[in-house]
Each structure stands twice: as C-alpha cells, then as structure tokens.
Amino acid sequence: MSVQFCCLAKNWAEVNPVAPTFLHFTPRLLAMSQAMVRAQVVLAAESEATAVQLLTAGASRVFLGEAALRDGDIITRLIQRFGPARVGLHVPVQRQAVSWSFDAVSNEDFNVVTPSLCEPVWEVLQADGVPSGCRAASWIGDMVDRGVQTVLVRADMGDDADLNLCAGMVELLGDKLWMAPLHDSTPQIGDWVNYGQVRQLALPTALYLRRHALLPRDNDARLTEPVV
C-alpha cells in the first residue's frame, strides 16, 4: 500500500519547483504568466472568469470552489473548453449539524423527538466557512458525472464518524480524490491512512516537509511521489 503526498502551498513563495504542488490562488498570480506554466491552482470564491484567465495563461489545472457550488454549469463549460484533465473541484467540508424536532401531535400516547439527520454527513462549506446545506457526497458525485476527474476535499477529522465519512469518500472517488486538512495544523495522518483509507494527501508546506514522519508506523505504508 502506498501513500502519495503533494504540497498545498498558500502562495507562490512557498512553491518548491521540484515538489508536486497545489497552489492556493492569490490575485498576484494573474500578473505572473510565467508562473502559470504547469501550475495547479486552487480557487476559493473566485469566478469562472478567473478560472478561464488562469487556464488560458497556461495553468495545468484549476480547482473550482464556491463558483461551481453556485452554478454547476461552470464545470460543464470549462470542461468543454479546456478538457476534463484541466478542471478540478475544491470542496471544503465539515459535519452537518443535527437539529431536532418535537412532534406532539402524531400520537396521543407519546411524543416523538426526530433528528434532522439519521447518520453523519459532510456538507460543503462556502469560501467564508459558512455551511451551504449541500451534502458533499451527492454534489461531488454530480460533478464527477459532469466530467470532473480530480477532487480536492479539505476536512478536519474530529472523530471516528469523520474517518468513516472519509473512507466512504475514498470508496466513491478512488484515485480522483485528494484529501487535505481544513484548519487542523496537527492532523493525525496515521489515522487518516489507517482508518480513513486515504491514499492521496495534499498537505500545507510545514506538514509536507514532515511527510515521511507522518505515515503510520504500524503497517507497511510507504510514500511515493505523484505525477499530478
């Protein structure tokens, strides 16, 4: 069993030219045409027009974020224009909150308290971190049906339920999936690999530099460098 890592850089200054890297978008990139060659850029709330500008300038792949959440047809249009290999999806997620409703009418002998969710689910977050109410697995599945071949999901694993959701996402997407932390600066990568079944990890620069030490020690996991 092998685990592949790439670096998730905050800006161009963090990019190591010999390391496979996903690069968070900053407006400065639009003025750096030379930097666009082979760049893989992760968008937050930036528009379809920004994605087009980056792809036209030579970015090898652009991961659409909130813009695709608001209008899934953006994915279709970009894939038709630039091809599926150059259009990815950036999906920050968290566990959807459970609400409870109290039914005092349905039965005269007892009252019923009903949860809004029967099982844990991840929901997609907007770029500002506000929950969208959109369930991640079904929405990502729809985008894959539209032709998306690479999905970057960013999540924090708070407990076993998150790890189970992660394993389900791996089963759904296979090698289309890259997982990354959302906010956690000290993620338990060993658990991600052992229980979340993660095989492709995009790590912030500080964690990427320690990637060898992050692999679980109690199995035969090994690191390989991807061509992404």
Protein backbone atom coordinates (compact mmCIF):
# COMPACT_ATOMS: atom_id res chain seq x y z
CA MET A 1 0.00 0.00 0.00
CA SER A 2 1.38 3.39 -1.00
CA VAL A 3 0.50 6.92 0.06
CA GLN A 4 1.09 9.86 -2.25
CA PHE A 5 1.69 13.37 -0.98
CA CYS A 6 1.72 16.75 -2.64
CA CYS A 7 2.27 20.22 -1.17
CA LEU A 8 -0.65 22.62 -0.69
CA ALA A 9 1.06 26.00 -0.90
CA LYS A 10 -0.51 29.21 0.43
CA ASN A 11 1.23 31.41 -2.12
CA TRP A 12 3.87 31.40 -4.83
CA ALA A 13 6.69 31.97 -2.32
CA GLU A 14 6.00 28.51 -0.83
CA VAL A 15 6.22 26.67 -4.14
CA ASN A 16 9.09 24.23 -4.42
CA PRO A 17 9.79 23.72 -8.13
CA VAL A 18 10.73 20.06 -7.61
CA ALA A 19 7.74 19.15 -5.41
CA PRO A 20 4.27 18.29 -6.74
CA THR A 21 2.19 21.25 -5.61
CA PHE A 22 -1.34 22.58 -5.46
CA LEU A 23 -1.28 26.38 -5.11
CA HIS A 24 -3.94 28.49 -3.41
CA PHE A 25 -4.99 31.38 -5.63
CA THR A 26 -3.81 34.91 -4.89
CA PRO A 27 -4.55 37.87 -7.20
CA ARG A 28 -0.81 38.31 -7.80
CA LEU A 29 -0.82 35.11 -9.84
CA LEU A 30 -2.75 36.81 -12.62
CA ALA A 31 0.25 39.04 -13.29
CA MET A 32 2.72 36.13 -13.25
CA SER A 33 2.19 34.48 -16.61
CA GLN A 34 5.47 32.57 -16.35
CA ALA A 35 4.34 31.08 -13.03
CA MET A 36 1.20 29.71 -14.64
CA VAL A 37 3.01 27.15 -16.70
CA ARG A 38 2.11 23.76 -15.18
CA ALA A 39 0.60 25.43 -12.09
CA GLN A 40 -2.31 23.71 -10.34
CA VAL A 41 -4.35 26.49 -8.77
CA VAL A 42 -6.97 26.09 -6.03
CA LEU A 43 -9.75 28.67 -6.09
CA ALA A 44 -11.94 29.68 -3.16
CA ALA A 45 -14.79 32.00 -4.22
CA GLU A 46 -13.14 33.27 -7.42
CA SER A 47 -15.28 33.42 -10.52
CA GLU A 48 -15.47 31.46 -13.75
CA ALA A 49 -13.73 34.40 -15.44
CA THR A 50 -10.71 33.98 -13.13
CA ALA A 51 -10.58 30.26 -13.90
CA VAL A 52 -10.66 30.99 -17.63
CA GLN A 53 -7.87 33.55 -17.27
CA LEU A 54 -5.68 31.08 -15.37
CA LEU A 55 -6.29 28.23 -17.78
CA THR A 56 -5.69 30.46 -20.80
CA ALA A 57 -2.41 31.62 -19.23
CA GLY A 58 -1.24 28.01 -19.03
CA ALA A 59 -2.29 26.61 -15.67
CA SER A 60 -2.31 22.84 -15.97
CA ARG A 61 -5.37 22.52 -13.71
CA VAL A 62 -7.71 24.84 -11.86
CA PHE A 63 -9.79 23.61 -8.91
CA LEU A 64 -13.15 25.40 -8.87
CA GLY A 65 -14.59 26.22 -5.47
CA GLU A 66 -17.68 28.16 -4.46
CA ALA A 67 -18.39 29.29 -8.02
CA ALA A 68 -19.10 25.67 -9.01
CA LEU A 69 -21.27 25.22 -5.93
CA ARG A 70 -23.41 28.16 -7.01
CA ASP A 71 -23.54 27.16 -10.68
CA GLY A 72 -22.61 23.60 -11.65
CA ASP A 73 -22.82 24.52 -15.34
CA ILE A 74 -19.48 26.30 -14.91
CA ILE A 75 -17.85 22.89 -14.66
CA THR A 76 -19.53 21.75 -17.86
CA ARG A 77 -18.49 24.87 -19.77
CA LEU A 78 -14.86 24.73 -18.63
CA ILE A 79 -14.53 21.03 -19.38
CA GLN A 80 -15.96 21.56 -22.85
CA ARG A 81 -13.48 24.38 -23.48
CA PHE A 82 -10.30 23.14 -21.79
CA GLY A 83 -10.81 19.39 -21.29
CA PRO A 84 -11.55 17.33 -18.15
CA ALA A 85 -7.90 16.91 -17.14
CA ARG A 86 -7.56 20.66 -16.52
CA VAL A 87 -10.68 21.23 -14.42
CA GLY A 88 -10.80 20.09 -10.79
CA LEU A 89 -13.05 20.66 -7.80
CA HIS A 90 -12.11 22.21 -4.45
CA VAL A 91 -14.51 21.16 -1.69
CA PRO A 92 -14.10 22.34 1.92
CA VAL A 93 -16.42 20.31 4.16
CA GLN A 94 -17.50 19.80 7.74
CA ARG A 95 -20.02 17.63 9.55
CA GLN A 96 -23.54 18.86 9.04
CA ALA A 97 -25.18 19.92 12.29
CA VAL A 98 -28.09 17.85 13.58
CA SER A 99 -31.29 19.61 14.60
CA TRP A 100 -34.18 18.06 16.49
CA SER A 101 -37.92 18.48 16.02
CA PHE A 102 -40.55 17.71 18.67
CA ASP A 103 -43.74 16.09 17.37
CA ALA A 104 -46.52 16.27 19.94
CA VAL A 105 -49.36 15.56 17.50
CA SER A 106 -48.61 12.28 15.69
CA ASN A 107 -49.57 10.00 18.61
CA GLU A 108 -51.79 10.80 21.56
CA ASP A 109 -49.94 8.40 23.87
CA PHE A 110 -46.37 9.66 23.41
CA ASN A 111 -44.37 12.44 21.83
CA VAL A 112 -41.63 11.94 19.26
CA VAL A 113 -38.29 13.75 19.00
CA THR A 114 -36.90 13.41 15.47
CA PRO A 115 -33.36 14.26 14.30
CA SER A 116 -32.83 16.08 11.01
CA LEU A 117 -30.17 13.50 10.03
CA CYS A 118 -30.24 9.76 10.52
CA GLU A 119 -26.49 9.41 10.04
CA PRO A 120 -23.45 11.75 9.92
CA VAL A 121 -22.84 13.56 6.63
CA TRP A 122 -20.35 16.11 5.38
CA GLU A 123 -21.72 19.33 3.94
CA VAL A 124 -19.94 21.70 1.60
CA LEU A 125 -18.74 25.00 3.06
CA GLN A 126 -18.75 28.29 1.26
CA ALA A 127 -15.42 30.07 0.87
CA ASP A 128 -16.04 32.12 4.05
CA GLY A 129 -16.68 28.94 6.05
CA VAL A 130 -20.46 29.33 6.19
CA PRO A 131 -22.29 25.99 5.78
CA SER A 132 -24.09 25.70 2.45
CA GLY A 133 -26.52 22.94 3.41
CA CYS A 134 -25.33 20.97 0.35
CA ARG A 135 -24.37 17.38 1.11
CA ALA A 136 -20.85 16.80 -0.15
CA ALA A 137 -21.03 13.22 -1.42
CA SER A 138 -24.08 13.71 -3.64
CA TRP A 139 -22.88 17.04 -5.02
CA ILE A 140 -19.39 15.75 -5.77
CA GLY A 141 -20.95 12.72 -7.45
CA ASP A 142 -22.92 15.04 -9.71
CA MET A 143 -19.77 16.99 -10.62
CA VAL A 144 -17.94 13.75 -11.41
CA ASP A 145 -20.83 12.80 -13.68
CA ARG A 146 -20.21 16.10 -15.47
CA GLY A 147 -16.63 15.05 -16.14
CA VAL A 148 -14.53 16.16 -13.15
CA GLN A 149 -11.51 13.88 -12.77
CA THR A 150 -9.76 15.42 -9.73
CA VAL A 151 -11.36 16.46 -6.44
CA LEU A 152 -9.59 18.16 -3.53
CA VAL A 153 -11.61 17.67 -0.34
CA ARG A 154 -10.49 19.63 2.72
CA ALA A 155 -11.75 18.35 6.07
CA ASP A 156 -10.75 18.03 9.71
CA MET A 157 -11.18 14.58 11.24
CA GLY A 158 -12.75 15.18 14.62
CA ASP A 159 -13.74 11.62 15.45
CA ASP A 160 -14.47 8.16 14.08
CA ALA A 161 -17.54 9.42 12.23
CA ASP A 162 -15.38 11.77 10.17
CA LEU A 163 -12.93 8.97 9.43
CA ASN A 164 -15.80 6.78 8.28
CA LEU A 165 -17.07 9.56 6.03
CA CYS A 166 -13.56 9.92 4.66
CA ALA A 167 -13.36 6.20 3.90
CA GLY A 168 -16.69 6.46 2.11
CA MET A 169 -15.37 9.35 0.01
CA VAL A 170 -12.31 7.28 -0.92
CA GLU A 171 -14.58 4.42 -1.95
CA LEU A 172 -16.71 6.82 -4.02
CA LEU A 173 -13.88 8.60 -5.82
CA GLY A 174 -10.83 6.32 -5.77
CA ASP A 175 -7.78 7.96 -7.30
CA LYS A 176 -9.79 11.05 -8.25
CA LEU A 177 -9.65 12.11 -4.59
CA TRP A 178 -7.03 14.21 -2.82
CA MET A 179 -7.66 14.87 0.89
CA ALA A 180 -6.28 17.85 2.82
CA PRO A 181 -6.76 19.34 6.28
CA LEU A 182 -9.21 22.22 6.55
CA HIS A 183 -7.94 24.10 9.64
CA ASP A 184 -6.17 21.47 11.77
CA SER A 185 -2.43 22.19 11.93
CA THR A 186 -1.66 18.85 13.62
CA PRO A 187 -3.83 16.28 11.84
CA GLN A 188 -3.44 12.64 12.82
CA ILE A 189 -2.32 11.49 9.39
CA GLY A 190 -1.75 7.95 10.62
CA ASP A 191 -5.48 7.69 11.40
CA TRP A 192 -6.36 9.25 8.03
CA VAL A 193 -4.39 6.49 6.34
CA ASN A 194 -5.31 3.56 8.60
CA TYR A 195 -9.00 4.29 9.19
CA GLY A 196 -9.93 6.92 6.63
CA GLN A 197 -8.26 4.85 3.88
CA VAL A 198 -6.67 8.00 2.40
CA ARG A 199 -4.12 7.29 -0.30
CA GLN A 200 -3.52 10.79 -1.70
CA LEU A 201 -2.81 13.70 0.64
CA ALA A 202 -2.27 17.38 -0.07
CA LEU A 203 -0.54 18.94 2.95
CA PRO A 204 0.31 22.53 3.85
CA THR A 205 4.01 23.24 3.41
CA ALA A 206 5.04 22.73 7.04
CA LEU A 207 3.37 19.32 7.14
CA TYR A 208 4.57 18.35 3.68
CA LEU A 209 8.17 18.82 4.79
CA ARG A 210 7.50 16.26 7.56
CA ARG A 211 5.52 13.86 5.40
CA HIS A 212 7.81 10.85 5.96
CA ALA A 213 7.33 11.09 9.72
CA LEU A 214 3.55 11.38 9.42
CA LEU A 215 2.98 7.95 7.92
CA PRO A 216 1.61 5.33 10.34
CA ARG A 217 4.29 3.12 11.85
CA ASP A 218 2.11 0.08 12.44
CA ASN A 219 1.62 -1.01 8.83
CA ASP A 220 3.52 -1.19 5.57
CA ALA A 221 2.51 2.24 4.28
CA ARG A 222 5.13 3.83 2.12
CA LEU A 223 5.46 7.20 0.45
CA THR A 224 5.52 7.70 -3.29
CA GLU A 225 5.85 10.96 -5.18
CA PRO A 226 2.93 11.51 -7.58
CA VAL A 227 2.91 12.98 -11.03
CA VAL A 228 -0.05 15.37 -10.69
